[in-house]
Amino acid sequence: MSIPNEALQKLVQEIESRALQAQQQVNVVKAQIAAKQRDIRLLQLTSSEVGSLPKGTKVYEGVGKMFIYSPTADVGKRLTAEIGELKSDVSNLEKKLHYLETTYKNSRDHMEQIFRTGGRA
């Protein structure tokens, strides 16, 4: 049994649009992962610098246009918490990336299968 050309063309366009959309989202997710990993490295560096300060050192955090005194321990806890949140975000983005890559691969496989069989079901 053969699929009519119009239906076959519509099916191929649908699969191709899904593949294109998945590929675009893959690129976006990869950029988001890279940005979050950069932020993690920056926070880790900041945390190590704050941790290496002498015990009595005063630390100030920028808030808008002013600086507020924060105890070194509080700054370290905040940095650690932010690093944990970013790592969780990266983990979720990696799962999303895996899903999108699988979707893209499946779409391409379906298109190849349609072209190999010539539209026969």
PDB file of N, CA and C in Angstrom:
ATOM      1  N   MET A   1       0.841  -1.176   0.000  1.00  0.00           N
ATOM      2  CA  MET A   1       0.000   0.000   0.000  1.00  0.00           C
ATOM      3  C   MET A   1       0.878   1.227   0.000  1.00  0.00           C
ATOM      4  N   SER A   2       0.539   2.204  -0.784  1.00  0.00           N
ATOM      5  CA  SER A   2       1.338   3.400  -0.939  1.00  0.00           C
ATOM      6  C   SER A   2       0.600   4.607  -0.368  1.00  0.00           C
ATOM      7  N   ILE A   3       1.366   5.512   0.224  1.00  0.00           N
ATOM      8  CA  ILE A   3       0.785   6.738   0.772  1.00  0.00           C
ATOM      9  C   ILE A   3       0.709   7.758  -0.370  1.00  0.00           C
ATOM     10  N   PRO A   4      -0.421   8.482  -0.532  1.00  0.00           N
ATOM     11  CA  PRO A   4      -0.528   9.493  -1.584  1.00  0.00           C
ATOM     12  C   PRO A   4       0.567  10.561  -1.435  1.00  0.00           C
ATOM     13  N   ASN A   5       0.986  11.112  -2.566  1.00  0.00           N
ATOM     14  CA  ASN A   5       2.082  12.090  -2.565  1.00  0.00           C
ATOM     15  C   ASN A   5       1.796  13.290  -1.681  1.00  0.00           C
ATOM     16  N   GLU A   6       0.569  13.797  -1.688  1.00  0.00           N
ATOM     17  CA  GLU A   6       0.230  14.973  -0.881  1.00  0.00           C
ATOM     18  C   GLU A   6       0.375  14.663   0.608  1.00  0.00           C
ATOM     19  N   ALA A   7      -0.127  13.510   1.020  1.00  0.00           N
ATOM     20  CA  ALA A   7      -0.016  13.116   2.427  1.00  0.00           C
ATOM     21  C   ALA A   7       1.436  12.871   2.805  1.00  0.00           C
ATOM     22  N   LEU A   8       2.185  12.266   1.903  1.00  0.00           N
ATOM     23  CA  LEU A   8       3.597  12.003   2.149  1.00  0.00           C
ATOM     24  C   LEU A   8       4.369  13.310   2.292  1.00  0.00           C
ATOM     25  N   GLN A   9       4.078  14.257   1.417  1.00  0.00           N
ATOM     26  CA  GLN A   9       4.753  15.547   1.477  1.00  0.00           C
ATOM     27  C   GLN A   9       4.415  16.277   2.778  1.00  0.00           C
ATOM     28  N   LYS A  10       3.159  16.219   3.183  1.00  0.00           N
ATOM     29  CA  LYS A  10       2.744  16.862   4.430  1.00  0.00           C
ATOM     30  C   LYS A  10       3.429  16.206   5.628  1.00  0.00           C
ATOM     31  N   LEU A  11       3.531  14.899   5.607  1.00  0.00           N
ATOM     32  CA  LEU A  11       4.180  14.162   6.684  1.00  0.00           C
ATOM     33  C   LEU A  11       5.666  14.523   6.780  1.00  0.00           C
ATOM     34  N   VAL A  12       6.329  14.582   5.640  1.00  0.00           N
ATOM     35  CA  VAL A  12       7.754  14.932   5.615  1.00  0.00           C
ATOM     36  C   VAL A  12       7.961  16.359   6.125  1.00  0.00           C
ATOM     37  N   GLN A  13       7.088  17.279   5.734  1.00  0.00           N
ATOM     38  CA  GLN A  13       7.210  18.663   6.207  1.00  0.00           C
ATOM     39  C   GLN A  13       7.019  18.747   7.712  1.00  0.00           C
ATOM     40  N   GLU A  14       6.064  17.981   8.232  1.00  0.00           N
ATOM     41  CA  GLU A  14       5.810  17.962   9.676  1.00  0.00           C
ATOM     42  C   GLU A  14       7.040  17.432  10.427  1.00  0.00           C
ATOM     43  N   ILE A  15       7.580  16.328   9.948  1.00  0.00           N
ATOM     44  CA  ILE A  15       8.750  15.740  10.608  1.00  0.00           C
ATOM     45  C   ILE A  15       9.952  16.677  10.495  1.00  0.00           C
ATOM     46  N   GLU A  16      10.107  17.288   9.337  1.00  0.00           N
ATOM     47  CA  GLU A  16      11.231  18.208   9.139  1.00  0.00           C
ATOM     48  C   GLU A  16      11.118  19.427  10.044  1.00  0.00           C
ATOM     49  N   SER A  17       9.915  19.944  10.223  1.00  0.00           N
ATOM     50  CA  SER A  17       9.739  21.103  11.104  1.00  0.00           C
ATOM     51  C   SER A  17      10.037  20.730  12.555  1.00  0.00           C
ATOM     52  N   ARG A  18       9.652  19.516  12.970  1.00  0.00           N
ATOM     53  CA  ARG A  18       9.979  19.060  14.327  1.00  0.00           C
ATOM     54  C   ARG A  18      11.488  18.936  14.501  1.00  0.00           C
ATOM     55  N   ALA A  19      12.142  18.393  13.499  1.00  0.00           N
ATOM     56  CA  ALA A  19      13.599  18.225  13.574  1.00  0.00           C
ATOM     57  C   ALA A  19      14.284  19.584  13.652  1.00  0.00           C
ATOM     58  N   LEU A  20      13.828  20.531  12.848  1.00  0.00           N
ATOM     59  CA  LEU A  20      14.421  21.865  12.846  1.00  0.00           C
ATOM     60  C   LEU A  20      14.197  22.557  14.185  1.00  0.00           C
ATOM     61  N   GLN A  21      12.993  22.438  14.713  1.00  0.00           N
ATOM     62  CA  GLN A  21      12.687  23.041  16.005  1.00  0.00           C
ATOM     63  C   GLN A  21      13.548  22.417  17.103  1.00  0.00           C
ATOM     64  N   ALA A  22      13.694  21.108  17.089  1.00  0.00           N
ATOM     65  CA  ALA A  22      14.518  20.428  18.089  1.00  0.00           C
ATOM     66  C   ALA A  22      15.973  20.873  17.983  1.00  0.00           C
ATOM     67  N   GLN A  23      16.476  21.005  16.744  1.00  0.00           N
ATOM     68  CA  GLN A  23      17.868  21.432  16.551  1.00  0.00           C
ATOM     69  C   GLN A  23      18.080  22.851  17.077  1.00  0.00           C
ATOM     70  N   GLN A  24      17.127  23.743  16.847  1.00  0.00           N
ATOM     71  CA  GLN A  24      17.245  25.108  17.357  1.00  0.00           C
ATOM     72  C   GLN A  24      17.236  25.121  18.882  1.00  0.00           C
ATOM     73  N   GLN A  25      16.364  24.314  19.475  1.00  0.00           N
ATOM     74  CA  GLN A  25      16.306  24.255  20.930  1.00  0.00           C
ATOM     75  C   GLN A  25      17.574  23.629  21.513  1.00  0.00           C
ATOM     76  N   VAL A  26      18.170  22.680  20.796  1.00  0.00           N
ATOM     77  CA  VAL A  26      19.439  22.085  21.243  1.00  0.00           C
ATOM     78  C   VAL A  26      20.499  23.175  21.348  1.00  0.00           C
ATOM     79  N   ASN A  27      20.570  24.041  20.347  1.00  0.00           N
ATOM     80  CA  ASN A  27      21.560  25.116  20.361  1.00  0.00           C
ATOM     81  C   ASN A  27      21.315  26.079  21.523  1.00  0.00           C
ATOM     82  N   VAL A  28      20.053  26.398  21.788  1.00  0.00           N
ATOM     83  CA  VAL A  28      19.717  27.298  22.890  1.00  0.00           C
ATOM     84  C   VAL A  28      20.108  26.670  24.223  1.00  0.00           C
ATOM     85  N   VAL A  29      19.777  25.391  24.403  1.00  0.00           N
ATOM     86  CA  VAL A  29      20.073  24.708  25.667  1.00  0.00           C
ATOM     87  C   VAL A  29      21.583  24.596  25.873  1.00  0.00           C
ATOM     88  N   LYS A  30      22.324  24.321  24.807  1.00  0.00           N
ATOM     89  CA  LYS A  30      23.788  24.252  24.929  1.00  0.00           C
ATOM     90  C   LYS A  30      24.359  25.593  25.378  1.00  0.00           C
ATOM     91  N   ALA A  31      23.818  26.683  24.845  1.00  0.00           N
ATOM     92  CA  ALA A  31      24.274  28.018  25.248  1.00  0.00           C
ATOM     93  C   ALA A  31      23.930  28.286  26.713  1.00  0.00           C
ATOM     94  N   GLN A  32      22.750  27.860  27.146  1.00  0.00           N
ATOM     95  CA  GLN A  32      22.358  28.047  28.542  1.00  0.00           C
ATOM     96  C   GLN A  32      23.259  27.243  29.477  1.00  0.00           C
ATOM     97  N   ILE A  33      23.583  26.025  29.081  1.00  0.00           N
ATOM     98  CA  ILE A  33      24.472  25.191  29.899  1.00  0.00           C
ATOM     99  C   ILE A  33      25.846  25.851  30.017  1.00  0.00           C
ATOM    100  N   ALA A  34      26.366  26.342  28.896  1.00  0.00           N
ATOM    101  CA  ALA A  34      27.681  26.986  28.917  1.00  0.00           C
ATOM    102  C   ALA A  34      27.671  28.212  29.831  1.00  0.00           C
ATOM    103  N   ALA A  35      26.605  29.009  29.774  1.00  0.00           N
ATOM    104  CA  ALA A  35      26.519  30.206  30.608  1.00  0.00           C
ATOM    105  C   ALA A  35      26.456  29.836  32.093  1.00  0.00           C
ATOM    106  N   LYS A  36      25.681  28.828  32.422  1.00  0.00           N
ATOM    107  CA  LYS A  36      25.560  28.421  33.826  1.00  0.00           C
ATOM    108  C   LYS A  36      26.867  27.813  34.332  1.00  0.00           C
ATOM    109  N   GLN A  37      27.588  27.085  33.478  1.00  0.00           N
ATOM    110  CA  GLN A  37      28.876  26.528  33.890  1.00  0.00           C
ATOM    111  C   GLN A  37      29.900  27.638  34.117  1.00  0.00           C
ATOM    112  N   ARG A  38      29.841  28.689  33.292  1.00  0.00           N
ATOM    113  CA  ARG A  38      30.715  29.848  33.517  1.00  0.00           C
ATOM    114  C   ARG A  38      30.400  30.481  34.873  1.00  0.00           C
ATOM    115  N   ASP A  39      29.103  30.638  35.176  1.00  0.00           N
ATOM    116  CA  ASP A  39      28.707  31.217  36.459  1.00  0.00           C
ATOM    117  C   ASP A  39      29.179  30.356  37.626  1.00  0.00           C
ATOM    118  N   ILE A  40      29.101  29.040  37.470  1.00  0.00           N
ATOM    119  CA  ILE A  40      29.568  28.130  38.524  1.00  0.00           C
ATOM    120  C   ILE A  40      31.061  28.333  38.762  1.00  0.00           C
ATOM    121  N   ARG A  41      31.843  28.390  37.685  1.00  0.00           N
ATOM    122  CA  ARG A  41      33.294  28.588  37.832  1.00  0.00           C
ATOM    123  C   ARG A  41      33.596  29.920  38.512  1.00  0.00           C
ATOM    124  N   LEU A  42      32.854  30.963  38.146  1.00  0.00           N
ATOM    125  CA  LEU A  42      33.061  32.278  38.750  1.00  0.00           C
ATOM    126  C   LEU A  42      32.732  32.249  40.242  1.00  0.00           C
ATOM    127  N   LEU A  43      31.619  31.606  40.593  1.00  0.00           N
ATOM    128  CA  LEU A  43      31.242  31.511  42.007  1.00  0.00           C
ATOM    129  C   LEU A  43      32.233  30.668  42.798  1.00  0.00           C
ATOM    130  N   GLN A  44      32.747  29.594  42.192  1.00  0.00           N
ATOM    131  CA  GLN A  44      33.733  28.764  42.880  1.00  0.00           C
ATOM    132  C   GLN A  44      35.011  29.548  43.135  1.00  0.00           C
ATOM    133  N   LEU A  45      35.431  30.335  42.154  1.00  0.00           N
ATOM    134  CA  LEU A  45      36.621  31.163  42.329  1.00  0.00           C
ATOM    135  C   LEU A  45      36.392  32.195  43.435  1.00  0.00           C
ATOM    136  N   THR A  46      35.237  32.834  43.405  1.00  0.00           N
ATOM    137  CA  THR A  46      34.907  33.817  44.439  1.00  0.00           C
ATOM    138  C   THR A  46      34.873  33.165  45.809  1.00  0.00           C
ATOM    139  N   SER A  47      34.280  31.983  45.891  1.00  0.00           N
ATOM    140  CA  SER A  47      34.196  31.269  47.162  1.00  0.00           C
ATOM    141  C   SER A  47      35.580  30.916  47.687  1.00  0.00           C
ATOM    142  N   SER A  48      36.454  30.466  46.811  1.00  0.00           N
ATOM    143  CA  SER A  48      37.811  30.120  47.261  1.00  0.00           C
ATOM    144  C   SER A  48      38.569  31.367  47.712  1.00  0.00           C
ATOM    145  N   GLU A  49      38.342  32.491  47.041  1.00  0.00           N
ATOM    146  CA  GLU A  49      38.999  33.740  47.450  1.00  0.00           C
ATOM    147  C   GLU A  49      38.476  34.202  48.809  1.00  0.00           C
ATOM    148  N   VAL A  50      37.159  34.145  48.992  1.00  0.00           N
ATOM    149  CA  VAL A  50      36.577  34.554  50.267  1.00  0.00           C
ATOM    150  C   VAL A  50      37.037  33.609  51.371  1.00  0.00           C
ATOM    151  N   GLY A  51      37.130  32.321  51.071  1.00  0.00           N
ATOM    152  CA  GLY A  51      37.577  31.347  52.060  1.00  0.00           C
ATOM    153  C   GLY A  51      39.025  31.523  52.466  1.00  0.00           C
ATOM    154  N   SER A  52      39.834  32.094  51.595  1.00  0.00           N
ATOM    155  CA  SER A  52      41.252  32.259  51.909  1.00  0.00           C
ATOM    156  C   SER A  52      41.552  33.562  52.664  1.00  0.00           C
ATOM    157  N   LEU A  53      40.517  34.382  52.869  1.00  0.00           N
ATOM    158  CA  LEU A  53      40.721  35.635  53.594  1.00  0.00           C
ATOM    159  C   LEU A  53      40.979  35.356  55.080  1.00  0.00           C
ATOM    160  N   PRO A  54      41.778  36.214  55.732  1.00  0.00           N
ATOM    161  CA  PRO A  54      41.982  36.058  57.185  1.00  0.00           C
ATOM    162  C   PRO A  54      40.649  36.175  57.940  1.00  0.00           C
ATOM    163  N   LYS A  55      40.599  35.618  59.131  1.00  0.00           N
ATOM    164  CA  LYS A  55      39.350  35.493  59.875  1.00  0.00           C
ATOM    165  C   LYS A  55      38.651  36.824  60.144  1.00  0.00           C
ATOM    166  N   GLY A  56      39.340  37.863  60.459  1.00  0.00           N
ATOM    167  CA  GLY A  56      38.708  39.135  60.834  1.00  0.00           C
ATOM    168  C   GLY A  56      38.425  40.070  59.670  1.00  0.00           C
ATOM    169  N   THR A  57      38.628  39.629  58.449  1.00  0.00           N
ATOM    170  CA  THR A  57      38.459  40.498  57.289  1.00  0.00           C
ATOM    171  C   THR A  57      36.993  40.851  57.094  1.00  0.00           C
ATOM    172  N   LYS A  58      36.743  42.131  56.838  1.00  0.00           N
ATOM    173  CA  LYS A  58      35.377  42.570  56.578  1.00  0.00           C
ATOM    174  C   LYS A  58      35.088  42.395  55.088  1.00  0.00           C
ATOM    175  N   VAL A  59      33.901  41.871  54.807  1.00  0.00           N
ATOM    176  CA  VAL A  59      33.500  41.627  53.418  1.00  0.00           C
ATOM    177  C   VAL A  59      32.242  42.436  53.149  1.00  0.00           C
ATOM    178  N   TYR A  60      32.229  43.104  52.004  1.00  0.00           N
ATOM    179  CA  TYR A  60      31.075  43.921  51.624  1.00  0.00           C
ATOM    180  C   TYR A  60      30.506  43.392  50.314  1.00  0.00           C
ATOM    181  N   GLU A  61      29.171  43.346  50.240  1.00  0.00           N
ATOM    182  CA  GLU A  61      28.496  42.901  49.028  1.00  0.00           C
ATOM    183  C   GLU A  61      27.792  44.090  48.402  1.00  0.00           C
ATOM    184  N   GLY A  62      27.829  44.144  47.074  1.00  0.00           N
ATOM    185  CA  GLY A  62      27.163  45.217  46.358  1.00  0.00           C
ATOM    186  C   GLY A  62      25.667  44.993  46.291  1.00  0.00           C
ATOM    187  N   VAL A  63      24.930  46.034  46.653  1.00  0.00           N
ATOM    188  CA  VAL A  63      23.477  46.004  46.559  1.00  0.00           C
ATOM    189  C   VAL A  63      23.067  47.288  45.848  1.00  0.00           C
ATOM    190  N   GLY A  64      22.741  47.173  44.566  1.00  0.00           N
ATOM    191  CA  GLY A  64      22.414  48.377  43.807  1.00  0.00           C
ATOM    192  C   GLY A  64      23.636  49.255  43.686  1.00  0.00           C
ATOM    193  N   LYS A  65      23.528  50.482  44.223  1.00  0.00           N
ATOM    194  CA  LYS A  65      24.651  51.422  44.147  1.00  0.00           C
ATOM    195  C   LYS A  65      25.413  51.527  45.467  1.00  0.00           C
ATOM    196  N   MET A  66      25.138  50.626  46.388  1.00  0.00           N
ATOM    197  CA  MET A  66      25.827  50.707  47.672  1.00  0.00           C
ATOM    198  C   MET A  66      26.396  49.344  48.062  1.00  0.00           C
ATOM    199  N   PHE A  67      27.204  49.351  49.096  1.00  0.00           N
ATOM    200  CA  PHE A  67      27.814  48.123  49.598  1.00  0.00           C
ATOM    201  C   PHE A  67      27.385  47.918  51.038  1.00  0.00           C
ATOM    202  N   ILE A  68      27.065  46.666  51.375  1.00  0.00           N
ATOM    203  CA  ILE A  68      26.605  46.325  52.715  1.00  0.00           C
ATOM    204  C   ILE A  68      27.561  45.297  53.292  1.00  0.00           C
ATOM    205  N   TYR A  69      27.900  45.488  54.568  1.00  0.00           N
ATOM    206  CA  TYR A  69      28.778  44.551  55.258  1.00  0.00           C
ATOM    207  C   TYR A  69      28.058  43.223  55.431  1.00  0.00           C
ATOM    208  N   SER A  70      28.775  42.135  55.126  1.00  0.00           N
ATOM    209  CA  SER A  70      28.249  40.783  55.342  1.00  0.00           C
ATOM    210  C   SER A  70      29.346  39.960  55.990  1.00  0.00           C
ATOM    211  N   PRO A  71      29.010  39.185  57.008  1.00  0.00           N
ATOM    212  CA  PRO A  71      30.021  38.312  57.606  1.00  0.00           C
ATOM    213  C   PRO A  71      30.542  37.316  56.554  1.00  0.00           C
ATOM    214  N   THR A  72      31.810  36.978  56.661  1.00  0.00           N
ATOM    215  CA  THR A  72      32.451  36.088  55.697  1.00  0.00           C
ATOM    216  C   THR A  72      31.735  34.741  55.625  1.00  0.00           C
ATOM    217  N   ALA A  73      31.289  34.239  56.764  1.00  0.00           N
ATOM    218  CA  ALA A  73      30.595  32.939  56.781  1.00  0.00           C
ATOM    219  C   ALA A  73      29.295  33.014  55.983  1.00  0.00           C
ATOM    220  N   ASP A  74      28.563  34.120  56.120  1.00  0.00           N
ATOM    221  CA  ASP A  74      27.303  34.275  55.382  1.00  0.00           C
ATOM    222  C   ASP A  74      27.551  34.352  53.876  1.00  0.00           C
ATOM    223  N   VAL A  75      28.601  35.045  53.500  1.00  0.00           N
ATOM    224  CA  VAL A  75      28.937  35.146  52.072  1.00  0.00           C
ATOM    225  C   VAL A  75      29.287  33.761  51.535  1.00  0.00           C
ATOM    226  N   GLY A  76      30.074  33.005  52.299  1.00  0.00           N
ATOM    227  CA  GLY A  76      30.433  31.648  51.877  1.00  0.00           C
ATOM    228  C   GLY A  76      29.217  30.749  51.737  1.00  0.00           C
ATOM    229  N   LYS A  77      28.270  30.844  52.677  1.00  0.00           N
ATOM    230  CA  LYS A  77      27.052  30.044  52.609  1.00  0.00           C
ATOM    231  C   LYS A  77      26.220  30.428  51.382  1.00  0.00           C
ATOM    232  N   ARG A  78      26.117  31.729  51.127  1.00  0.00           N
ATOM    233  CA  ARG A  78      25.344  32.194  49.971  1.00  0.00           C
ATOM    234  C   ARG A  78      25.966  31.703  48.665  1.00  0.00           C
ATOM    235  N   LEU A  79      27.277  31.791  48.574  1.00  0.00           N
ATOM    236  CA  LEU A  79      27.962  31.330  47.367  1.00  0.00           C
ATOM    237  C   LEU A  79      27.773  29.832  47.166  1.00  0.00           C
ATOM    238  N   THR A  80      27.869  29.064  48.252  1.00  0.00           N
ATOM    239  CA  THR A  80      27.674  27.618  48.179  1.00  0.00           C
ATOM    240  C   THR A  80      26.256  27.284  47.736  1.00  0.00           C
ATOM    241  N   ALA A  81      25.284  28.012  48.269  1.00  0.00           N
ATOM    242  CA  ALA A  81      23.886  27.784  47.888  1.00  0.00           C
ATOM    243  C   ALA A  81      23.662  28.105  46.408  1.00  0.00           C
ATOM    244  N   GLU A  82      24.242  29.204  45.948  1.00  0.00           N
ATOM    245  CA  GLU A  82      24.102  29.575  44.530  1.00  0.00           C
ATOM    246  C   GLU A  82      24.755  28.543  43.617  1.00  0.00           C
ATOM    247  N   ILE A  83      25.908  28.033  44.027  1.00  0.00           N
ATOM    248  CA  ILE A  83      26.586  26.994  43.242  1.00  0.00           C
ATOM    249  C   ILE A  83      25.703  25.753  43.158  1.00  0.00           C
ATOM    250  N   GLY A  84      25.091  25.376  44.276  1.00  0.00           N
ATOM    251  CA  GLY A  84      24.199  24.212  44.291  1.00  0.00           C
ATOM    252  C   GLY A  84      23.003  24.400  43.362  1.00  0.00           C
ATOM    253  N   GLU A  85      22.407  25.586  43.380  1.00  0.00           N
ATOM    254  CA  GLU A  85      21.271  25.872  42.504  1.00  0.00           C
ATOM    255  C   GLU A  85      21.686  25.795  41.037  1.00  0.00           C
ATOM    256  N   LEU A  86      22.839  26.368  40.723  1.00  0.00           N
ATOM    257  CA  LEU A  86      23.300  26.348  39.333  1.00  0.00           C
ATOM    258  C   LEU A  86      23.615  24.931  38.868  1.00  0.00           C
ATOM    259  N   LYS A  87      24.190  24.116  39.745  1.00  0.00           N
ATOM    260  CA  LYS A  87      24.474  22.727  39.376  1.00  0.00           C
ATOM    261  C   LYS A  87      23.180  21.968  39.116  1.00  0.00           C
ATOM    262  N   SER A  88      22.165  22.242  39.911  1.00  0.00           N
ATOM    263  CA  SER A  88      20.853  21.629  39.699  1.00  0.00           C
ATOM    264  C   SER A  88      20.272  22.075  38.352  1.00  0.00           C
ATOM    265  N   ASP A  89      20.406  23.365  38.049  1.00  0.00           N
ATOM    266  CA  ASP A  89      19.926  23.885  36.763  1.00  0.00           C
ATOM    267  C   ASP A  89      20.649  23.216  35.599  1.00  0.00           C
ATOM    268  N   VAL A  90      21.961  23.056  35.727  1.00  0.00           N
ATOM    269  CA  VAL A  90      22.746  22.419  34.660  1.00  0.00           C
ATOM    270  C   VAL A  90      22.301  20.973  34.484  1.00  0.00           C
ATOM    271  N   SER A  91      22.053  20.287  35.582  1.00  0.00           N
ATOM    272  CA  SER A  91      21.595  18.903  35.502  1.00  0.00           C
ATOM    273  C   SER A  91      20.259  18.817  34.762  1.00  0.00           C
ATOM    274  N   ASN A  92      19.336  19.707  35.091  1.00  0.00           N
ATOM    275  CA  ASN A  92      18.042  19.722  34.403  1.00  0.00           C
ATOM    276  C   ASN A  92      18.188  20.068  32.926  1.00  0.00           C
ATOM    277  N   LEU A  93      19.077  21.000  32.630  1.00  0.00           N
ATOM    278  CA  LEU A  93      19.304  21.374  31.231  1.00  0.00           C
ATOM    279  C   LEU A  93      19.932  20.221  30.447  1.00  0.00           C
ATOM    280  N   GLU A  94      20.804  19.455  31.092  1.00  0.00           N
ATOM    281  CA  GLU A  94      21.403  18.303  30.414  1.00  0.00           C
ATOM    282  C   GLU A  94      20.356  17.242  30.101  1.00  0.00           C
ATOM    283  N   LYS A  95      19.386  17.062  31.006  1.00  0.00           N
ATOM    284  CA  LYS A  95      18.286  16.137  30.725  1.00  0.00           C
ATOM    285  C   LYS A  95      17.462  16.630  29.540  1.00  0.00           C
ATOM    286  N   LYS A  96      17.195  17.928  29.523  1.00  0.00           N
ATOM    287  CA  LYS A  96      16.429  18.519  28.419  1.00  0.00           C
ATOM    288  C   LYS A  96      17.205  18.378  27.109  1.00  0.00           C
ATOM    289  N   LEU A  97      18.519  18.585  27.178  1.00  0.00           N
ATOM    290  CA  LEU A  97      19.360  18.450  25.995  1.00  0.00           C
ATOM    291  C   LEU A  97      19.306  17.024  25.454  1.00  0.00           C
ATOM    292  N   HIS A  98      19.379  16.057  26.337  1.00  0.00           N
ATOM    293  CA  HIS A  98      19.313  14.644  25.923  1.00  0.00           C
ATOM    294  C   HIS A  98      17.977  14.364  25.230  1.00  0.00           C
ATOM    295  N   TYR A  99      16.890  14.858  25.802  1.00  0.00           N
ATOM    296  CA  TYR A  99      15.564  14.671  25.210  1.00  0.00           C
ATOM    297  C   TYR A  99      15.502  15.303  23.820  1.00  0.00           C
ATOM    298  N   LEU A 100      16.001  16.529  23.690  1.00  0.00           N
ATOM    299  CA  LEU A 100      15.945  17.225  22.403  1.00  0.00           C
ATOM    300  C   LEU A 100      16.816  16.539  21.353  1.00  0.00           C
ATOM    301  N   GLU A 101      17.986  16.073  21.774  1.00  0.00           N
ATOM    302  CA  GLU A 101      18.849  15.362  20.827  1.00  0.00           C
ATOM    303  C   GLU A 101      18.204  14.062  20.365  1.00  0.00           C
ATOM    304  N   THR A 102      17.525  13.377  21.278  1.00  0.00           N
ATOM    305  CA  THR A 102      16.818  12.148  20.918  1.00  0.00           C
ATOM    306  C   THR A 102      15.675  12.458  19.955  1.00  0.00           C
ATOM    307  N   THR A 103      14.939  13.524  20.223  1.00  0.00           N
ATOM    308  CA  THR A 103      13.846  13.937  19.339  1.00  0.00           C
ATOM    309  C   THR A 103      14.375  14.243  17.941  1.00  0.00           C
ATOM    310  N   TYR A 104      15.480  14.971  17.879  1.00  0.00           N
ATOM    311  CA  TYR A 104      16.075  15.323  16.589  1.00  0.00           C
ATOM    312  C   TYR A 104      16.503  14.064  15.838  1.00  0.00           C
ATOM    313  N   LYS A 105      17.167  13.155  16.543  1.00  0.00           N
ATOM    314  CA  LYS A 105      17.639  11.923  15.910  1.00  0.00           C
ATOM    315  C   LYS A 105      16.462  11.087  15.405  1.00  0.00           C
ATOM    316  N   ASN A 106      15.419  10.961  16.211  1.00  0.00           N
ATOM    317  CA  ASN A 106      14.244  10.195  15.796  1.00  0.00           C
ATOM    318  C   ASN A 106      13.566  10.813  14.577  1.00  0.00           C
ATOM    319  N   SER A 107      13.486  12.126  14.542  1.00  0.00           N
ATOM    320  CA  SER A 107      12.877  12.800  13.388  1.00  0.00           C
ATOM    321  C   SER A 107      13.675  12.516  12.124  1.00  0.00           C
ATOM    322  N   ARG A 108      14.983  12.611  12.236  1.00  0.00           N
ATOM    323  CA  ARG A 108      15.840  12.336  11.076  1.00  0.00           C
ATOM    324  C   ARG A 108      15.705  10.872  10.638  1.00  0.00           C
ATOM    325  N   ASP A 109      15.652   9.963  11.598  1.00  0.00           N
ATOM    326  CA  ASP A 109      15.499   8.538  11.275  1.00  0.00           C
ATOM    327  C   ASP A 109      14.178   8.277  10.562  1.00  0.00           C
ATOM    328  N   HIS A 110      13.111   8.926  11.015  1.00  0.00           N
ATOM    329  CA  HIS A 110      11.808   8.749  10.376  1.00  0.00           C
ATOM    330  C   HIS A 110      11.818   9.262   8.938  1.00  0.00           C
ATOM    331  N   MET A 111      12.466  10.411   8.748  1.00  0.00           N
ATOM    332  CA  MET A 111      12.546  10.960   7.389  1.00  0.00           C
ATOM    333  C   MET A 111      13.333  10.016   6.481  1.00  0.00           C
ATOM    334  N   GLU A 112      14.452   9.509   6.979  1.00  0.00           N
ATOM    335  CA  GLU A 112      15.255   8.585   6.171  1.00  0.00           C
ATOM    336  C   GLU A 112      14.463   7.323   5.840  1.00  0.00           C
ATOM    337  N   GLN A 113      13.696   6.842   6.795  1.00  0.00           N
ATOM    338  CA  GLN A 113      12.888   5.651   6.574  1.00  0.00           C
ATOM    339  C   GLN A 113      11.824   5.912   5.499  1.00  0.00           C
ATOM    340  N   ILE A 114      11.212   7.081   5.529  1.00  0.00           N
ATOM    341  CA  ILE A 114      10.203   7.422   4.514  1.00  0.00           C
ATOM    342  C   ILE A 114      10.854   7.479   3.139  1.00  0.00           C
ATOM    343  N   PHE A 115      12.037   8.083   3.061  1.00  0.00           N
ATOM    344  CA  PHE A 115      12.697   8.194   1.752  1.00  0.00           C
ATOM    345  C   PHE A 115      13.170   6.826   1.243  1.00  0.00           C
ATOM    346  N   ARG A 116      13.610   5.963   2.170  1.00  0.00           N
ATOM    347  CA  ARG A 116      14.063   4.621   1.755  1.00  0.00           C
ATOM    348  C   ARG A 116      12.910   3.788   1.221  1.00  0.00           C
ATOM    349  N   THR A 117      11.791   3.850   1.917  1.00  0.00           N
ATOM    350  CA  THR A 117      10.652   3.024   1.501  1.00  0.00           C
ATOM    351  C   THR A 117       9.864   3.651   0.357  1.00  0.00           C
ATOM    352  N   GLY A 118      10.129   4.878   0.052  1.00  0.00           N
ATOM    353  CA  GLY A 118       9.433   5.550  -1.041  1.00  0.00           C
ATOM    354  C   GLY A 118       7.965   5.787  -0.766  1.00  0.00           C
ATOM    355  N   GLY A 119       7.574   5.879   0.501  1.00  0.00           N
ATOM    356  CA  GLY A 119       6.200   6.166   0.849  1.00  0.00           C
ATOM    357  C   GLY A 119       5.312   4.941   0.926  1.00  0.00           C
ATOM    358  N   ARG A 120       5.905   3.764   0.869  1.00  0.00           N
ATOM    359  CA  ARG A 120       5.092   2.551   1.012  1.00  0.00           C
ATOM    360  C   ARG A 120       4.927   2.226   2.490  1.00  0.00           C
ATOM    361  N   ALA A 121       3.745   1.849   2.865  1.00  0.00           N
ATOM    362  CA  ALA A 121       3.479   1.525   4.273  1.00  0.00           C
ATOM    363  C   ALA A 121       3.657   0.060   4.541  1.00  0.00           C
TER     364      ALA A 121
END
